[in-house]
């Protein structure tokens, strides 16, 4: 119901790059993720609350994937059942 949709998933030179479309319950439309050795290198949201998504992205850079999932999974925005951080956790679970 609130799941993300994987748009692409590639691996080159040890870096995994994946893009996900978010569900229609959140302000952001897409999340692009780069991971190397289970560590998040980069996250970029398309649309959404710019300051918040930029803050979430920067805070997660350098963290282990499992740690980000544990911290962000289940965060709700205004009773929507999900949020931009929760959508990131859902995307990371698919990887």
PDB file of N, CA and C in Angstrom:
ATOM      1  N   UNK A   1       0.813  -1.201   0.000  1.00  0.00           N
ATOM      2  CA  UNK A   1       0.000   0.000   0.000  1.00  0.00           C
ATOM      3  C   UNK A   1       0.858   1.267   0.000  1.00  0.00           C
ATOM      4  N   UNK A   2       1.866   1.304   0.862  1.00  0.00           N
ATOM      5  CA  UNK A   2       2.741   2.470   0.933  1.00  0.00           C
ATOM      6  C   UNK A   2       4.132   2.156   0.407  1.00  0.00           C
ATOM      7  N   UNK A   3       4.260   1.061  -0.317  1.00  0.00           N
ATOM      8  CA  UNK A   3       5.580   0.655  -0.783  1.00  0.00           C
ATOM      9  C   UNK A   3       6.095   1.546  -1.903  1.00  0.00           C
ATOM     10  N   UNK A   4       7.415   1.567  -2.004  1.00  0.00           N
ATOM     11  CA  UNK A   4       8.091   2.265  -3.092  1.00  0.00           C
ATOM     12  C   UNK A   4       8.174   1.320  -4.286  1.00  0.00           C
ATOM     13  N   UNK A   5       8.424   1.884  -5.464  1.00  0.00           N
ATOM     14  CA  UNK A   5       8.571   1.088  -6.680  1.00  0.00           C
ATOM     15  C   UNK A   5       9.980   1.270  -7.212  1.00  0.00           C
ATOM     16  N   UNK A   6      10.692   0.156  -7.361  1.00  0.00           N
ATOM     17  CA  UNK A   6      12.060   0.233  -7.870  1.00  0.00           C
ATOM     18  C   UNK A   6      12.030   0.589  -9.356  1.00  0.00           C
ATOM     19  N   UNK A   7      12.749   1.653  -9.705  1.00  0.00           N
ATOM     20  CA  UNK A   7      12.844   2.103 -11.090  1.00  0.00           C
ATOM     21  C   UNK A   7      14.106   1.587 -11.762  1.00  0.00           C
ATOM     22  N   UNK A   8      15.196   1.533 -10.998  1.00  0.00           N
ATOM     23  CA  UNK A   8      16.461   1.037 -11.535  1.00  0.00           C
ATOM     24  C   UNK A   8      17.334   0.557 -10.385  1.00  0.00           C
ATOM     25  N   UNK A   9      18.277  -0.337 -10.714  1.00  0.00           N
ATOM     26  CA  UNK A   9      19.192  -0.880  -9.715  1.00  0.00           C
ATOM     27  C   UNK A   9      20.408  -1.414 -10.461  1.00  0.00           C
ATOM     28  N   UNK A  10      21.534  -0.711 -10.361  1.00  0.00           N
ATOM     29  CA  UNK A  10      22.746  -1.118 -11.061  1.00  0.00           C
ATOM     30  C   UNK A  10      23.923  -1.157 -10.090  1.00  0.00           C
ATOM     31  N   UNK A  11      24.943  -1.897 -10.478  1.00  0.00           N
ATOM     32  CA  UNK A  11      26.164  -1.944  -9.678  1.00  0.00           C
ATOM     33  C   UNK A  11      27.346  -1.849 -10.628  1.00  0.00           C
ATOM     34  N   UNK A  12      28.235  -0.893 -10.321  1.00  0.00           N
ATOM     35  CA  UNK A  12      29.411  -0.682 -11.154  1.00  0.00           C
ATOM     36  C   UNK A  12      30.550  -0.232 -10.260  1.00  0.00           C
ATOM     37  N   UNK A  13      31.677  -0.913 -10.366  1.00  0.00           N
ATOM     38  CA  UNK A  13      32.846  -0.540  -9.581  1.00  0.00           C
ATOM     39  C   UNK A  13      32.609  -0.594  -8.083  1.00  0.00           C
ATOM     40  N   UNK A  14      31.767  -1.503  -7.636  1.00  0.00           N
ATOM     41  CA  UNK A  14      31.489  -1.652  -6.211  1.00  0.00           C
ATOM     42  C   UNK A  14      30.452  -0.692  -5.657  1.00  0.00           C
ATOM     43  N   UNK A  15      29.922   0.170  -6.519  1.00  0.00           N
ATOM     44  CA  UNK A  15      28.911   1.139  -6.078  1.00  0.00           C
ATOM     45  C   UNK A  15      27.557   0.737  -6.648  1.00  0.00           C
ATOM     46  N   UNK A  16      26.601   0.582  -5.754  1.00  0.00           N
ATOM     47  CA  UNK A  16      25.244   0.251  -6.163  1.00  0.00           C
ATOM     48  C   UNK A  16      24.433   1.537  -6.229  1.00  0.00           C
ATOM     49  N   UNK A  17      23.753   1.727  -7.364  1.00  0.00           N
ATOM     50  CA  UNK A  17      22.901   2.899  -7.558  1.00  0.00           C
ATOM     51  C   UNK A  17      21.487   2.415  -7.840  1.00  0.00           C
ATOM     52  N   UNK A  18      20.555   2.920  -7.064  1.00  0.00           N
ATOM     53  CA  UNK A  18      19.163   2.512  -7.238  1.00  0.00           C
ATOM     54  C   UNK A  18      18.262   3.738  -7.152  1.00  0.00           C
ATOM     55  N   UNK A  19      17.174   3.690  -7.896  1.00  0.00           N
ATOM     56  CA  UNK A  19      16.170   4.752  -7.880  1.00  0.00           C
ATOM     57  C   UNK A  19      14.810   4.136  -7.595  1.00  0.00           C
ATOM     58  N   UNK A  20      14.013   4.850  -6.795  1.00  0.00           N
ATOM     59  CA  UNK A  20      12.695   4.379  -6.404  1.00  0.00           C
ATOM     60  C   UNK A  20      11.675   5.487  -6.551  1.00  0.00           C
ATOM     61  N   UNK A  21      10.504   5.146  -7.058  1.00  0.00           N
ATOM     62  CA  UNK A  21       9.372   6.064  -7.038  1.00  0.00           C
ATOM     63  C   UNK A  21       8.680   5.882  -5.697  1.00  0.00           C
ATOM     64  N   UNK A  22       8.360   6.978  -5.039  1.00  0.00           N
ATOM     65  CA  UNK A  22       7.678   6.901  -3.749  1.00  0.00           C
ATOM     66  C   UNK A  22       6.174   6.739  -3.973  1.00  0.00           C
ATOM     67  N   UNK A  23       5.470   6.357  -2.912  1.00  0.00           N
ATOM     68  CA  UNK A  23       4.017   6.229  -3.016  1.00  0.00           C
ATOM     69  C   UNK A  23       3.390   7.628  -3.059  1.00  0.00           C
ATOM     70  N   UNK A  24       2.129   7.691  -3.423  1.00  0.00           N
ATOM     71  CA  UNK A  24       1.471   8.985  -3.601  1.00  0.00           C
ATOM     72  C   UNK A  24       1.019   9.637  -2.287  1.00  0.00           C
ATOM     73  N   UNK A  25       1.376   9.058  -1.155  1.00  0.00           N
ATOM     74  CA  UNK A  25       0.993   9.613   0.150  1.00  0.00           C
ATOM     75  C   UNK A  25       2.030  10.609   0.688  1.00  0.00           C
ATOM     76  N   UNK A  26       3.171  10.735   0.013  1.00  0.00           N
ATOM     77  CA  UNK A  26       4.229  11.634   0.478  1.00  0.00           C
ATOM     78  C   UNK A  26       4.498  12.725  -0.554  1.00  0.00           C
ATOM     79  N   UNK A  27       5.185  13.766  -0.124  1.00  0.00           N
ATOM     80  CA  UNK A  27       5.478  14.911  -0.996  1.00  0.00           C
ATOM     81  C   UNK A  27       6.579  14.618  -2.009  1.00  0.00           C
ATOM     82  N   UNK A  28       7.558  13.805  -1.618  1.00  0.00           N
ATOM     83  CA  UNK A  28       8.644  13.489  -2.557  1.00  0.00           C
ATOM     84  C   UNK A  28       8.128  12.527  -3.627  1.00  0.00           C
ATOM     85  N   UNK A  29       8.767  12.544  -4.772  1.00  0.00           N
ATOM     86  CA  UNK A  29       8.348  11.706  -5.905  1.00  0.00           C
ATOM     87  C   UNK A  29       9.317  10.566  -6.188  1.00  0.00           C
ATOM     88  N   UNK A  30      10.596  10.769  -5.844  1.00  0.00           N
ATOM     89  CA  UNK A  30      11.618   9.771  -6.172  1.00  0.00           C
ATOM     90  C   UNK A  30      12.762   9.868  -5.173  1.00  0.00           C
ATOM     91  N   UNK A  31      13.413   8.718  -4.939  1.00  0.00           N
ATOM     92  CA  UNK A  31      14.600   8.676  -4.092  1.00  0.00           C
ATOM     93  C   UNK A  31      15.696   7.959  -4.873  1.00  0.00           C
ATOM     94  N   UNK A  32      16.858   8.595  -4.989  1.00  0.00           N
ATOM     95  CA  UNK A  32      18.032   8.000  -5.631  1.00  0.00           C
ATOM     96  C   UNK A  32      19.053   7.713  -4.541  1.00  0.00           C
ATOM     97  N   UNK A  33      19.605   6.497  -4.558  1.00  0.00           N
ATOM     98  CA  UNK A  33      20.485   6.041  -3.486  1.00  0.00           C
ATOM     99  C   UNK A  33      21.764   5.465  -4.072  1.00  0.00           C
ATOM    100  N   UNK A  34      22.905   5.775  -3.439  1.00  0.00           N
ATOM    101  CA  UNK A  34      24.193   5.154  -3.768  1.00  0.00           C
ATOM    102  C   UNK A  34      24.715   4.465  -2.513  1.00  0.00           C
ATOM    103  N   UNK A  35      25.115   3.211  -2.673  1.00  0.00           N
ATOM    104  CA  UNK A  35      25.624   2.415  -1.550  1.00  0.00           C
ATOM    105  C   UNK A  35      26.933   1.758  -1.957  1.00  0.00           C
ATOM    106  N   UNK A  36      27.890   1.743  -1.048  1.00  0.00           N
ATOM    107  CA  UNK A  36      29.155   1.040  -1.263  1.00  0.00           C
ATOM    108  C   UNK A  36      29.496   0.283   0.016  1.00  0.00           C
ATOM    109  N   UNK A  37      29.706  -1.033  -0.111  1.00  0.00           N
ATOM    110  CA  UNK A  37      30.051  -1.878   1.038  1.00  0.00           C
ATOM    111  C   UNK A  37      29.058  -1.709   2.189  1.00  0.00           C
ATOM    112  N   UNK A  38      27.758  -1.689   1.869  1.00  0.00           N
ATOM    113  CA  UNK A  38      26.678  -1.582   2.850  1.00  0.00           C
ATOM    114  C   UNK A  38      26.657  -0.237   3.590  1.00  0.00           C
ATOM    115  N   UNK A  39      27.369   0.741   3.065  1.00  0.00           N
ATOM    116  CA  UNK A  39      27.385   2.093   3.631  1.00  0.00           C
ATOM    117  C   UNK A  39      26.740   3.042   2.617  1.00  0.00           C
ATOM    118  N   UNK A  40      25.843   3.880   3.097  1.00  0.00           N
ATOM    119  CA  UNK A  40      25.179   4.836   2.217  1.00  0.00           C
ATOM    120  C   UNK A  40      26.141   5.967   1.877  1.00  0.00           C
ATOM    121  N   UNK A  41      26.371   6.140   0.588  1.00  0.00           N
ATOM    122  CA  UNK A  41      27.258   7.210   0.110  1.00  0.00           C
ATOM    123  C   UNK A  41      26.485   8.481  -0.205  1.00  0.00           C
ATOM    124  N   UNK A  42      25.286   8.308  -0.780  1.00  0.00           N
ATOM    125  CA  UNK A  42      24.533   9.480  -1.234  1.00  0.00           C
ATOM    126  C   UNK A  42      23.056   9.132  -1.332  1.00  0.00           C
ATOM    127  N   UNK A  43      22.225  10.098  -0.973  1.00  0.00           N
ATOM    128  CA  UNK A  43      20.775   9.990  -1.128  1.00  0.00           C
ATOM    129  C   UNK A  43      20.297  11.312  -1.705  1.00  0.00           C
ATOM    130  N   UNK A  44      19.406  11.222  -2.677  1.00  0.00           N
ATOM    131  CA  UNK A  44      18.826  12.441  -3.230  1.00  0.00           C
ATOM    132  C   UNK A  44      17.326  12.223  -3.430  1.00  0.00           C
ATOM    133  N   UNK A  45      16.542  13.108  -2.858  1.00  0.00           N
ATOM    134  CA  UNK A  45      15.093  13.092  -3.048  1.00  0.00           C
ATOM    135  C   UNK A  45      14.734  14.032  -4.181  1.00  0.00           C
ATOM    136  N   UNK A  46      13.719  13.679  -4.942  1.00  0.00           N
ATOM    137  CA  UNK A  46      13.152  14.567  -5.943  1.00  0.00           C
ATOM    138  C   UNK A  46      11.839  15.084  -5.375  1.00  0.00           C
ATOM    139  N   UNK A  47      11.727  16.384  -5.306  1.00  0.00           N
ATOM    140  CA  UNK A  47      10.604  17.101  -4.711  1.00  0.00           C
ATOM    141  C   UNK A  47      10.532  16.821  -3.209  1.00  0.00           C
ATOM    142  N   UNK A  48       9.414  17.099  -2.599  1.00  0.00           N
ATOM    143  CA  UNK A  48       9.286  16.958  -1.151  1.00  0.00           C
ATOM    144  C   UNK A  48       9.682  18.241  -0.440  1.00  0.00           C
ATOM    145  N   UNK A  49       9.641  18.214   0.867  1.00  0.00           N
ATOM    146  CA  UNK A  49      10.045  19.358   1.696  1.00  0.00           C
ATOM    147  C   UNK A  49      11.562  19.455   1.628  1.00  0.00           C
ATOM    148  N   UNK A  50      12.050  20.362   0.833  1.00  0.00           N
ATOM    149  CA  UNK A  50      13.464  20.409   0.474  1.00  0.00           C
ATOM    150  C   UNK A  50      14.406  20.380   1.673  1.00  0.00           C
ATOM    151  N   UNK A  51      14.152  21.192   2.651  1.00  0.00           N
ATOM    152  CA  UNK A  51      15.032  21.232   3.824  1.00  0.00           C
ATOM    153  C   UNK A  51      15.023  19.912   4.582  1.00  0.00           C
ATOM    154  N   UNK A  52      13.839  19.344   4.762  1.00  0.00           N
ATOM    155  CA  UNK A  52      13.733  18.079   5.496  1.00  0.00           C
ATOM    156  C   UNK A  52      14.377  16.922   4.744  1.00  0.00           C
ATOM    157  N   UNK A  53      14.084  16.794   3.465  1.00  0.00           N
ATOM    158  CA  UNK A  53      14.651  15.671   2.716  1.00  0.00           C
ATOM    159  C   UNK A  53      16.162  15.817   2.576  1.00  0.00           C
ATOM    160  N   UNK A  54      16.630  17.038   2.418  1.00  0.00           N
ATOM    161  CA  UNK A  54      18.069  17.280   2.345  1.00  0.00           C
ATOM    162  C   UNK A  54      18.728  16.928   3.683  1.00  0.00           C
ATOM    163  N   UNK A  55      18.075  17.273   4.777  1.00  0.00           N
ATOM    164  CA  UNK A  55      18.594  16.947   6.106  1.00  0.00           C
ATOM    165  C   UNK A  55      18.641  15.457   6.353  1.00  0.00           C
ATOM    166  N   UNK A  56      17.573  14.754   6.014  1.00  0.00           N
ATOM    167  CA  UNK A  56      17.538  13.298   6.172  1.00  0.00           C
ATOM    168  C   UNK A  56      18.653  12.673   5.347  1.00  0.00           C
ATOM    169  N   UNK A  57      18.789  13.115   4.104  1.00  0.00           N
ATOM    170  CA  UNK A  57      19.812  12.558   3.219  1.00  0.00           C
ATOM    171  C   UNK A  57      21.213  12.734   3.803  1.00  0.00           C
ATOM    172  N   UNK A  58      21.527  13.916   4.257  1.00  0.00           N
ATOM    173  CA  UNK A  58      22.866  14.174   4.795  1.00  0.00           C
ATOM    174  C   UNK A  58      23.131  13.415   6.086  1.00  0.00           C
ATOM    175  N   UNK A  59      22.114  13.307   6.937  1.00  0.00           N
ATOM    176  CA  UNK A  59      22.291  12.573   8.188  1.00  0.00           C
ATOM    177  C   UNK A  59      22.543  11.080   7.946  1.00  0.00           C
ATOM    178  N   UNK A  60      21.983  10.547   6.869  1.00  0.00           N
ATOM    179  CA  UNK A  60      22.120   9.117   6.575  1.00  0.00           C
ATOM    180  C   UNK A  60      23.424   8.776   5.857  1.00  0.00           C
ATOM    181  N   UNK A  61      24.037   9.739   5.211  1.00  0.00           N
ATOM    182  CA  UNK A  61      25.284   9.471   4.498  1.00  0.00           C
ATOM    183  C   UNK A  61      26.351   8.997   5.474  1.00  0.00           C
ATOM    184  N   UNK A  62      27.021   7.917   5.117  1.00  0.00           N
ATOM    185  CA  UNK A  62      28.065   7.349   5.964  1.00  0.00           C
ATOM    186  C   UNK A  62      27.547   6.299   6.935  1.00  0.00           C
ATOM    187  N   UNK A  63      26.240   6.121   6.989  1.00  0.00           N
ATOM    188  CA  UNK A  63      25.652   5.132   7.895  1.00  0.00           C
ATOM    189  C   UNK A  63      25.458   3.788   7.208  1.00  0.00           C
ATOM    190  N   UNK A  64      25.410   2.726   8.003  1.00  0.00           N
ATOM    191  CA  UNK A  64      25.094   1.398   7.482  1.00  0.00           C
ATOM    192  C   UNK A  64      23.617   1.351   7.113  1.00  0.00           C
ATOM    193  N   UNK A  65      23.330   0.609   6.059  1.00  0.00           N
ATOM    194  CA  UNK A  65      21.957   0.479   5.583  1.00  0.00           C
ATOM    195  C   UNK A  65      21.026   0.020   6.703  1.00  0.00           C
ATOM    196  N   UNK A  66      21.392  -1.010   7.447  1.00  0.00           N
ATOM    197  CA  UNK A  66      20.538  -1.548   8.511  1.00  0.00           C
ATOM    198  C   UNK A  66      20.258  -0.510   9.595  1.00  0.00           C
ATOM    199  N   UNK A  67      21.229   0.340   9.885  1.00  0.00           N
ATOM    200  CA  UNK A  67      21.039   1.372  10.903  1.00  0.00           C
ATOM    201  C   UNK A  67      20.033   2.432  10.443  1.00  0.00           C
ATOM    202  N   UNK A  68      20.097   2.784   9.172  1.00  0.00           N
ATOM    203  CA  UNK A  68      19.151   3.771   8.632  1.00  0.00           C
ATOM    204  C   UNK A  68      17.741   3.195   8.648  1.00  0.00           C
ATOM    205  N   UNK A  69      17.594   1.947   8.245  1.00  0.00           N
ATOM    206  CA  UNK A  69      16.279   1.308   8.272  1.00  0.00           C
ATOM    207  C   UNK A  69      15.726   1.323   9.696  1.00  0.00           C
ATOM    208  N   UNK A  70      16.542   0.933  10.658  1.00  0.00           N
ATOM    209  CA  UNK A  70      16.098   0.871  12.054  1.00  0.00           C
ATOM    210  C   UNK A  70      15.648   2.240  12.576  1.00  0.00           C
ATOM    211  N   UNK A  71      16.312   3.297  12.154  1.00  0.00           N
ATOM    212  CA  UNK A  71      15.981   4.641  12.647  1.00  0.00           C
ATOM    213  C   UNK A  71      14.774   5.259  11.952  1.00  0.00           C
ATOM    214  N   UNK A  72      14.567   4.961  10.677  1.00  0.00           N
ATOM    215  CA  UNK A  72      13.561   5.676   9.896  1.00  0.00           C
ATOM    216  C   UNK A  72      12.266   4.908   9.650  1.00  0.00           C
ATOM    217  N   UNK A  73      12.320   3.601   9.727  1.00  0.00           N
ATOM    218  CA  UNK A  73      11.153   2.777   9.423  1.00  0.00           C
ATOM    219  C   UNK A  73       9.990   3.111  10.364  1.00  0.00           C
ATOM    220  N   UNK A  74       8.828   3.332   9.780  1.00  0.00           N
ATOM    221  CA  UNK A  74       7.626   3.555  10.575  1.00  0.00           C
ATOM    222  C   UNK A  74       7.346   5.011  10.925  1.00  0.00           C
ATOM    223  N   UNK A  75       8.221   5.938  10.544  1.00  0.00           N
ATOM    224  CA  UNK A  75       7.947   7.353  10.815  1.00  0.00           C
ATOM    225  C   UNK A  75       6.742   7.778   9.984  1.00  0.00           C
ATOM    226  N   UNK A  76       5.804   8.439  10.635  1.00  0.00           N
ATOM    227  CA  UNK A  76       4.559   8.846   9.990  1.00  0.00           C
ATOM    228  C   UNK A  76       4.540  10.372   9.819  1.00  0.00           C
ATOM    229  N   UNK A  77       3.958  10.824   8.730  1.00  0.00           N
ATOM    230  CA  UNK A  77       3.812  12.261   8.468  1.00  0.00           C
ATOM    231  C   UNK A  77       2.325  12.606   8.410  1.00  0.00           C
ATOM    232  N   UNK A  78       1.865  13.334   9.386  1.00  0.00           N
ATOM    233  CA  UNK A  78       0.491  13.849   9.406  1.00  0.00           C
ATOM    234  C   UNK A  78      -0.582  12.774   9.246  1.00  0.00           C
ATOM    235  N   UNK A  79      -0.366  11.597   9.833  1.00  0.00           N
ATOM    236  CA  UNK A  79      -1.358  10.523   9.781  1.00  0.00           C
ATOM    237  C   UNK A  79      -1.500   9.863   8.428  1.00  0.00           C
ATOM    238  N   UNK A  80      -0.493   9.980   7.588  1.00  0.00           N
ATOM    239  CA  UNK A  80      -0.553   9.412   6.233  1.00  0.00           C
ATOM    240  C   UNK A  80      -0.185   7.931   6.188  1.00  0.00           C
ATOM    241  N   UNK A  81       0.371   7.423   7.287  1.00  0.00           N
ATOM    242  CA  UNK A  81       0.779   6.018   7.310  1.00  0.00           C
ATOM    243  C   UNK A  81       2.197   5.792   6.825  1.00  0.00           C
ATOM    244  N   UNK A  82       2.836   6.831   6.361  1.00  0.00           N
ATOM    245  CA  UNK A  82       4.217   6.771   5.881  1.00  0.00           C
ATOM    246  C   UNK A  82       4.775   8.191   5.870  1.00  0.00           C
ATOM    247  N   UNK A  83       5.996   8.341   5.423  1.00  0.00           N
ATOM    248  CA  UNK A  83       6.659   9.647   5.343  1.00  0.00           C
ATOM    249  C   UNK A  83       7.819   9.529   4.376  1.00  0.00           C
ATOM    250  N   UNK A  84       8.470  10.628   4.070  1.00  0.00           N
ATOM    251  CA  UNK A  84       9.654  10.569   3.206  1.00  0.00           C
ATOM    252  C   UNK A  84      10.770   9.737   3.846  1.00  0.00           C
ATOM    253  N   UNK A  85      11.042   9.874   5.167  1.00  0.00           N
ATOM    254  CA  UNK A  85      12.040   8.998   5.777  1.00  0.00           C
ATOM    255  C   UNK A  85      11.619   7.521   5.749  1.00  0.00           C
ATOM    256  N   UNK A  86      10.345   7.247   6.006  1.00  0.00           N
ATOM    257  CA  UNK A  86       9.850   5.863   5.955  1.00  0.00           C
ATOM    258  C   UNK A  86       9.977   5.304   4.541  1.00  0.00           C
ATOM    259  N   UNK A  87       9.734   6.120   3.536  1.00  0.00           N
ATOM    260  CA  UNK A  87       9.880   5.667   2.151  1.00  0.00           C
ATOM    261  C   UNK A  87      11.330   5.282   1.860  1.00  0.00           C
ATOM    262  N   UNK A  88      12.273   6.026   2.421  1.00  0.00           N
ATOM    263  CA  UNK A  88      13.684   5.677   2.275  1.00  0.00           C
ATOM    264  C   UNK A  88      13.955   4.321   2.917  1.00  0.00           C
ATOM    265  N   UNK A  89      13.444   4.091   4.112  1.00  0.00           N
ATOM    266  CA  UNK A  89      13.638   2.805   4.782  1.00  0.00           C
ATOM    267  C   UNK A  89      13.033   1.675   3.946  1.00  0.00           C
ATOM    268  N   UNK A  90      11.884   1.892   3.377  1.00  0.00           N
ATOM    269  CA  UNK A  90      11.237   0.872   2.527  1.00  0.00           C
ATOM    270  C   UNK A  90      12.091   0.590   1.279  1.00  0.00           C
ATOM    271  N   UNK A  91      12.658   1.632   0.706  1.00  0.00           N
ATOM    272  CA  UNK A  91      13.533   1.445  -0.457  1.00  0.00           C
ATOM    273  C   UNK A  91      14.761   0.637  -0.078  1.00  0.00           C
ATOM    274  N   UNK A  92      15.380   0.978   1.034  1.00  0.00           N
ATOM    275  CA  UNK A  92      16.581   0.269   1.477  1.00  0.00           C
ATOM    276  C   UNK A  92      16.269  -1.199   1.774  1.00  0.00           C
ATOM    277  N   UNK A  93      15.101  -1.485   2.298  1.00  0.00           N
ATOM    278  CA  UNK A  93      14.703  -2.882   2.559  1.00  0.00           C
ATOM    279  C   UNK A  93      14.665  -3.695   1.264  1.00  0.00           C
ATOM    280  N   UNK A  94      14.268  -3.057   0.176  1.00  0.00           N
ATOM    281  CA  UNK A  94      14.193  -3.759  -1.112  1.00  0.00           C
ATOM    282  C   UNK A  94      15.585  -4.086  -1.662  1.00  0.00           C
ATOM    283  N   UNK A  95      16.580  -3.371  -1.190  1.00  0.00           N
ATOM    284  CA  UNK A  95      17.933  -3.623  -1.671  1.00  0.00           C
ATOM    285  C   UNK A  95      18.571  -4.728  -0.867  1.00  0.00           C
TER     286      UNK A  95
END
